[in-house]
C-alpha atoms as a PDB file:
ATOM      1  CA  UNK A   1     136.133  92.023 178.705  1.00  0.00           C
ATOM      2  CA  UNK A   2     139.219  91.027 177.126  1.00  0.00           C
ATOM      3  CA  UNK A   3     138.266  89.618 173.265  1.00  0.00           C
ATOM      4  CA  UNK A   4     140.740  89.065 170.413  1.00  0.00           C
ATOM      5  CA  UNK A   5     139.599  88.874 166.753  1.00  0.00           C
ATOM      6  CA  UNK A   6     141.161  86.184 164.989  1.00  0.00           C
ATOM      7  CA  UNK A   7     141.370  86.587 161.171  1.00  0.00           C
ATOM      8  CA  UNK A   8     142.413  83.537 158.975  1.00  0.00           C
ATOM      9  CA  UNK A   9     143.377  84.242 155.419  1.00  0.00           C
ATOM     10  CA  UNK A  10     145.050  82.922 152.400  1.00  0.00           C
ATOM     11  CA  UNK A  11     146.527  85.088 149.269  1.00  0.00           C
ATOM     12  CA  UNK A  12     145.289  84.663 145.656  1.00  0.00           C
ATOM     13  CA  UNK A  13     146.535  81.434 144.246  1.00  0.00           C
ATOM     14  CA  UNK A  14     149.527  83.029 142.337  1.00  0.00           C
ATOM     15  CA  UNK A  15     150.460  86.108 144.413  1.00  0.00           C
ATOM     16  CA  UNK A  16     153.989  85.668 145.821  1.00  0.00           C
ATOM     17  CA  UNK A  17     153.704  85.077 149.756  1.00  0.00           C
ATOM     18  CA  UNK A  18     156.609  87.627 150.699  1.00  0.00           C
ATOM     19  CA  UNK A  19     154.989  90.362 148.996  1.00  0.00           C
ATOM     20  CA  UNK A  20     151.526  89.618 151.070  1.00  0.00           C
ATOM     21  CA  UNK A  21     153.563  89.275 153.941  1.00  0.00           C
ATOM     22  CA  UNK A  22     154.806  92.634 153.879  1.00  0.00           C
ATOM     23  CA  UNK A  23     151.880  94.250 152.521  1.00  0.00           C
ATOM     24  CA  UNK A  24     150.100  92.412 155.952  1.00  0.00           C
ATOM     25  CA  UNK A  25     153.103  94.006 158.340  1.00  0.00           C
ATOM     26  CA  UNK A  26     152.683  97.379 156.384  1.00  0.00           C
ATOM     27  CA  UNK A  27     148.569  97.372 157.241  1.00  0.00           C
ATOM     28  CA  UNK A  28     149.131  96.618 160.347  1.00  0.00           C
ATOM     29  CA  UNK A  29     152.309  98.441 161.667  1.00  0.00           C
ATOM     30  CA  UNK A  30     149.802 101.981 160.370  1.00  0.00           C
ATOM     31  CA  UNK A  31     146.778 100.562 162.319  1.00  0.00           C
ATOM     32  CA  UNK A  32     149.077 100.644 165.265  1.00  0.00           C
ATOM     33  CA  UNK A  33     150.399 103.804 164.418  1.00  0.00           C
ATOM     34  CA  UNK A  34     146.884 105.018 164.788  1.00  0.00           C
ATOM     35  CA  UNK A  35     146.392 104.512 168.134  1.00  0.00           C
ATOM     36  CA  UNK A  36     143.956 102.723 170.531  1.00  0.00           C
ATOM     37  CA  UNK A  37     141.476 105.234 171.060  1.00  0.00           C
ATOM     38  CA  UNK A  38     141.054 105.018 167.083  1.00  0.00           C
ATOM     39  CA  UNK A  39     141.584 101.397 166.562  1.00  0.00           C
ATOM     40  CA  UNK A  40     140.229  99.628 170.286  1.00  0.00           C
ATOM     41  CA  UNK A  41     143.594  97.881 170.222  1.00  0.00           C
ATOM     42  CA  UNK A  42     144.790  96.431 173.661  1.00  0.00           C
ATOM     43  CA  UNK A  43     147.794  95.703 172.314  1.00  0.00           C
ATOM     44  CA  UNK A  44     149.937  95.776 168.881  1.00  0.00           C
ATOM     45  CA  UNK A  45     148.316  93.198 166.486  1.00  0.00           C
ATOM     46  CA  UNK A  46     150.433  90.382 165.595  1.00  0.00           C
ATOM     47  CA  UNK A  47     150.052  87.970 162.521  1.00  0.00           C
ATOM     48  CA  UNK A  48     151.319  84.137 162.254  1.00  0.00           C
ATOM     49  CA  UNK A  49     151.701  82.268 159.425  1.00  0.00           C
ATOM     50  CA  UNK A  50     150.467  78.448 159.801  1.00  0.00           C
ATOM     51  CA  UNK A  51     149.857  75.360 158.176  1.00  0.00           C
ATOM     52  CA  UNK A  52     145.983  74.912 156.540  1.00  0.00           C
ATOM     53  CA  UNK A  53     143.507  74.902 159.531  1.00  0.00           C
ATOM     54  CA  UNK A  54     140.448  72.001 159.173  1.00  0.00           C
ATOM     55  CA  UNK A  55     138.021  74.966 159.019  1.00  0.00           C
ATOM     56  CA  UNK A  56     139.716  76.762 156.225  1.00  0.00           C
ATOM     57  CA  UNK A  57     140.117  73.576 154.320  1.00  0.00           C
ATOM     58  CA  UNK A  58     142.761  75.515 151.391  1.00  0.00           C
ATOM     59  CA  UNK A  59     145.527  72.987 151.199  1.00  0.00           C
ATOM     60  CA  UNK A  60     148.026  75.416 152.464  1.00  0.00           C
ATOM     61  CA  UNK A  61     149.424  77.608 154.678  1.00  0.00           C
ATOM     62  CA  UNK A  62     147.293  80.464 156.391  1.00  0.00           C
ATOM     63  CA  UNK A  63     148.250  83.388 158.087  1.00  0.00           C
ATOM     64  CA  UNK A  64     146.591  84.040 161.326  1.00  0.00           C
ATOM     65  CA  UNK A  65     146.263  87.531 162.823  1.00  0.00           C
ATOM     66  CA  UNK A  66     145.264  88.451 166.096  1.00  0.00           C
ATOM     67  CA  UNK A  67     143.869  91.750 166.907  1.00  0.00           C
ATOM     68  CA  UNK A  68     143.394  91.967 171.110  1.00  0.00           C
ATOM     69  CA  UNK A  69     140.587  94.503 171.890  1.00  0.00           C
ATOM     70  CA  UNK A  70     139.300  95.260 175.138  1.00  0.00           C
ATOM     71  CA  UNK A  71     134.913  94.542 173.713  1.00  0.00           C
ATOM     72  CA  UNK A  72     132.363  94.053 171.623  1.00  0.00           C
ATOM     73  CA  UNK A  73     132.158  97.390 170.975  1.00  0.00           C
ATOM     74  CA  UNK A  74     135.636  97.542 169.878  1.00  0.00           C
ATOM     75  CA  UNK A  75     134.898  95.634 166.620  1.00  0.00           C
ATOM     76  CA  UNK A  76     133.549  98.943 165.166  1.00  0.00           C
ATOM     77  CA  UNK A  77     136.336 100.701 166.193  1.00  0.00           C
ATOM     78  CA  UNK A  78     138.820  98.418 164.600  1.00  0.00           C
ATOM     79  CA  UNK A  79     136.300  97.771 161.425  1.00  0.00           C
ATOM     80  CA  UNK A  80     135.850 101.411 160.830  1.00  0.00           C
ATOM     81  CA  UNK A  81     139.635 102.231 161.138  1.00  0.00           C
ATOM     82  CA  UNK A  82     140.772  99.263 159.321  1.00  0.00           C
ATOM     83  CA  UNK A  83     139.166 100.806 155.984  1.00  0.00           C
ATOM     84  CA  UNK A  84     138.662 104.245 156.148  1.00  0.00           C
ATOM     85  CA  UNK A  85     141.095 107.274 156.225  1.00  0.00           C
ATOM     86  CA  UNK A  86     145.024 106.809 156.620  1.00  0.00           C
ATOM     87  CA  UNK A  87     144.516 103.260 156.217  1.00  0.00           C
ATOM     88  CA  UNK A  88     142.219 102.973 153.121  1.00  0.00           C
ATOM     89  CA  UNK A  89     144.932 102.290 151.129  1.00  0.00           C
ATOM     90  CA  UNK A  90     147.216 100.080 152.978  1.00  0.00           C
ATOM     91  CA  UNK A  91     144.260  98.051 153.427  1.00  0.00           C
ATOM     92  CA  UNK A  92     143.417  98.376 149.679  1.00  0.00           C
ATOM     93  CA  UNK A  93     147.128  96.819 148.932  1.00  0.00           C
ATOM     94  CA  UNK A  94     146.849  93.850 151.019  1.00  0.00           C
ATOM     95  CA  UNK A  95     143.164  93.168 149.775  1.00  0.00           C
ATOM     96  CA  UNK A  96     143.860  92.900 146.197  1.00  0.00           C
ATOM     97  CA  UNK A  97     145.894  90.263 146.655  1.00  0.00           C
ATOM     98  CA  UNK A  98     143.423  88.451 149.039  1.00  0.00           C
ATOM     99  CA  UNK A  99     141.982  85.052 148.322  1.00  0.00           C
ATOM    100  CA  UNK A 100     139.770  83.974 150.972  1.00  0.00           C
ATOM    101  CA  UNK A 101     138.984  84.673 154.792  1.00  0.00           C
ATOM    102  CA  UNK A 102     137.108  83.620 158.185  1.00  0.00           C
ATOM    103  CA  UNK A 103     137.197  85.354 161.406  1.00  0.00           C
ATOM    104  CA  UNK A 104     136.114  84.150 164.981  1.00  0.00           C
ATOM    105  CA  UNK A 105     135.928  86.487 168.221  1.00  0.00           C
ATOM    106  CA  UNK A 106     137.407  84.910 171.364  1.00  0.00           C
ATOM    107  CA  UNK A 107     137.085  85.899 174.978  1.00  0.00           C
ATOM    108  CA  UNK A 108     140.314  85.555 176.604  1.00  0.00           C
ATOM    109  CA  UNK A 109     139.954  82.817 179.459  1.00  0.00           C
ATOM    110  CA  UNK A 110     143.311  82.352 180.990  1.00  0.00           C
ATOM    111  CA  UNK A 111     146.714  83.683 180.776  1.00  0.00           C
ATOM    112  CA  UNK A 112     148.698  87.153 179.736  1.00  0.00           C
ATOM    113  CA  UNK A 113     149.272  86.601 176.181  1.00  0.00           C
ATOM    114  CA  UNK A 114     152.874  87.213 175.036  1.00  0.00           C
ATOM    115  CA  UNK A 115     151.936  87.673 171.482  1.00  0.00           C
ATOM    116  CA  UNK A 116     155.906  87.977 170.017  1.00  0.00           C
ATOM    117  CA  UNK A 117     156.591  84.978 172.460  1.00  0.00           C
ATOM    118  CA  UNK A 118     153.738  82.361 170.649  1.00  0.00           C
ATOM    119  CA  UNK A 119     155.019  79.593 168.647  1.00  0.00           C
ATOM    120  CA  UNK A 120     152.339  77.053 169.232  1.00  0.00           C
ATOM    121  CA  UNK A 121     148.527  76.936 168.691  1.00  0.00           C
ATOM    122  CA  UNK A 122     146.205  74.409 169.798  1.00  0.00           C
ATOM    123  CA  UNK A 123     142.351  74.584 168.700  1.00  0.00           C
ATOM    124  CA  UNK A 124     139.577  72.305 170.061  1.00  0.00           C
ATOM    125  CA  UNK A 125     136.330  71.743 171.207  1.00  0.00           C
ATOM    126  CA  UNK A 126     134.944  70.748 174.720  1.00  0.00           C
ATOM    127  CA  UNK A 127     134.511  67.155 174.968  1.00  0.00           C
ATOM    128  CA  UNK A 128     131.081  65.391 174.748  1.00  0.00           C
ATOM    129  CA  UNK A 129     129.853  65.220 178.854  1.00  0.00           C
ATOM    130  CA  UNK A 130     132.934  67.375 180.551  1.00  0.00           C
ATOM    131  CA  UNK A 131     131.652  70.186 182.122  1.00  0.00           C
ATOM    132  CA  UNK A 132     133.382  73.627 181.900  1.00  0.00           C
ATOM    133  CA  UNK A 133     134.875  73.648 185.547  1.00  0.00           C
ATOM    134  CA  UNK A 134     136.491  70.384 184.346  1.00  0.00           C
ATOM    135  CA  UNK A 135     137.748  71.745 181.189  1.00  0.00           C
ATOM    136  CA  UNK A 136     138.925  75.069 182.573  1.00  0.00           C
ATOM    137  CA  UNK A 137     140.613  73.176 185.346  1.00  0.00           C
ATOM    138  CA  UNK A 138     142.664  71.406 182.909  1.00  0.00           C
ATOM    139  CA  UNK A 139     143.405  74.898 180.426  1.00  0.00           C
ATOM    140  CA  UNK A 140     144.173  76.903 183.039  1.00  0.00           C
ATOM    141  CA  UNK A 141     147.672  75.689 184.393  1.00  0.00           C
ATOM    142  CA  UNK A 142     148.453  75.598 180.611  1.00  0.00           C
ATOM    143  CA  UNK A 143     148.681  79.360 180.129  1.00  0.00           C
ATOM    144  CA  UNK A 144     151.672  80.150 181.527  1.00  0.00           C
ATOM    145  CA  UNK A 145     154.796  82.260 180.300  1.00  0.00           C
ATOM    146  CA  UNK A 146     152.968  84.458 177.877  1.00  0.00           C
ATOM    147  CA  UNK A 147     150.517  81.742 176.684  1.00  0.00           C
ATOM    148  CA  UNK A 148     146.900  82.417 177.150  1.00  0.00           C
ATOM    149  CA  UNK A 149     143.450  80.065 176.583  1.00  0.00           C
ATOM    150  CA  UNK A 150     140.531  81.535 174.548  1.00  0.00           C
ATOM    151  CA  UNK A 151     136.744  80.446 174.503  1.00  0.00           C
ATOM    152  CA  UNK A 152     135.120  81.348 171.080  1.00  0.00           C
ATOM    153  CA  UNK A 153     131.886  83.857 171.644  1.00  0.00           C
ATOM    154  CA  UNK A 154     128.769  83.403 170.531  1.00  0.00           C
ATOM    155  CA  UNK A 155     129.658  80.757 167.933  1.00  0.00           C
ATOM    156  CA  UNK A 156     131.078  83.495 166.062  1.00  0.00           C
ATOM    157  CA  UNK A 157     133.403  82.207 163.693  1.00  0.00           C
ATOM    158  CA  UNK A 158     133.633  78.612 161.910  1.00  0.00           C
ATOM    159  CA  UNK A 159     137.192  77.519 164.100  1.00  0.00           C
ATOM    160  CA  UNK A 160     136.524  75.222 167.444  1.00  0.00           C
ATOM    161  CA  UNK A 161     135.341  76.540 170.941  1.00  0.00           C
ATOM    162  CA  UNK A 162     138.634  76.979 172.299  1.00  0.00           C
ATOM    163  CA  UNK A 163     141.916  78.077 172.092  1.00  0.00           C
ATOM    164  CA  UNK A 164     145.548  77.646 173.434  1.00  0.00           C
ATOM    165  CA  UNK A 165     148.392  79.810 172.763  1.00  0.00           C
ATOM    166  CA  UNK A 166     151.516  79.021 173.911  1.00  0.00           C
ATOM    167  CA  UNK A 167     155.156  79.610 173.618  1.00  0.00           C
ATOM    168  CA  UNK A 168     156.093  76.283 174.606  1.00  0.00           C
ATOM    169  CA  UNK A 169     154.653  72.607 173.076  1.00  0.00           C
ATOM    170  CA  UNK A 170     151.988  71.343 175.713  1.00  0.00           C
ATOM    171  CA  UNK A 171     150.278  68.102 176.056  1.00  0.00           C
ATOM    172  CA  UNK A 172     146.263  68.410 176.266  1.00  0.00           C
ATOM    173  CA  UNK A 173     144.991  65.018 178.044  1.00  0.00           C
ATOM    174  CA  UNK A 174     142.588  63.043 176.216  1.00  0.00           C
ATOM    175  CA  UNK A 175     139.729  63.382 175.628  1.00  0.00           C
ATOM    176  CA  UNK A 176     141.008  66.984 174.438  1.00  0.00           C
ATOM    177  CA  UNK A 177     141.694  66.177 170.408  1.00  0.00           C
ATOM    178  CA  UNK A 178     143.321  69.383 169.465  1.00  0.00           C
ATOM    179  CA  UNK A 179     144.071  70.292 165.999  1.00  0.00           C
ATOM    180  CA  UNK A 180     147.821  71.683 167.042  1.00  0.00           C
ATOM    181  CA  UNK A 181     149.776  74.076 164.631  1.00  0.00           C
ATOM    182  CA  UNK A 182     153.217  75.818 165.000  1.00  0.00           C
ATOM    183  CA  UNK A 183     153.123  79.213 164.149  1.00  0.00           C
ATOM    184  CA  UNK A 184     155.619  81.003 162.896  1.00  0.00           C
ATOM    185  CA  UNK A 185     155.296  85.208 163.476  1.00  0.00           C
ATOM    186  CA  UNK A 186     155.203  87.155 160.549  1.00  0.00           C
END
């Protein structure tokens, strides 16, 4: 099962966003350097800056980190690797600037995500009365050119049930009503 841990976060009020982003990039580069056997990562993590999302309700830009993993069990590896050993200090450096955050665990349902190509994010719930077969038929063709469709697992997190990350803008038909945000790669 290919799962992705999404983590939305904001720096503390008054923190310089350029410093925050630089520390975030440093942390992720050092995490990548540890290798998948230690971290559980399937691919390099990626961070994006986007406008506030309803489930964060910060009234300001937020950061979204995407950590692709091969299984639930990899969450334990990622968690341990992120805060111990050689990452103790890089994690402490970014955590010292952290304001608030929320995470969700999603399973990739369709597509083959190219994090470097993604520029658009859509989060939404399955409309009442629509079956999963019906929504899957709508979503599968939209996961193209490096895009992917994700479904939240076990209500793990505050975000909506579905996420579509895409390199290009897409139109989701009614009655699907997404929270759309352009994504700026960090």
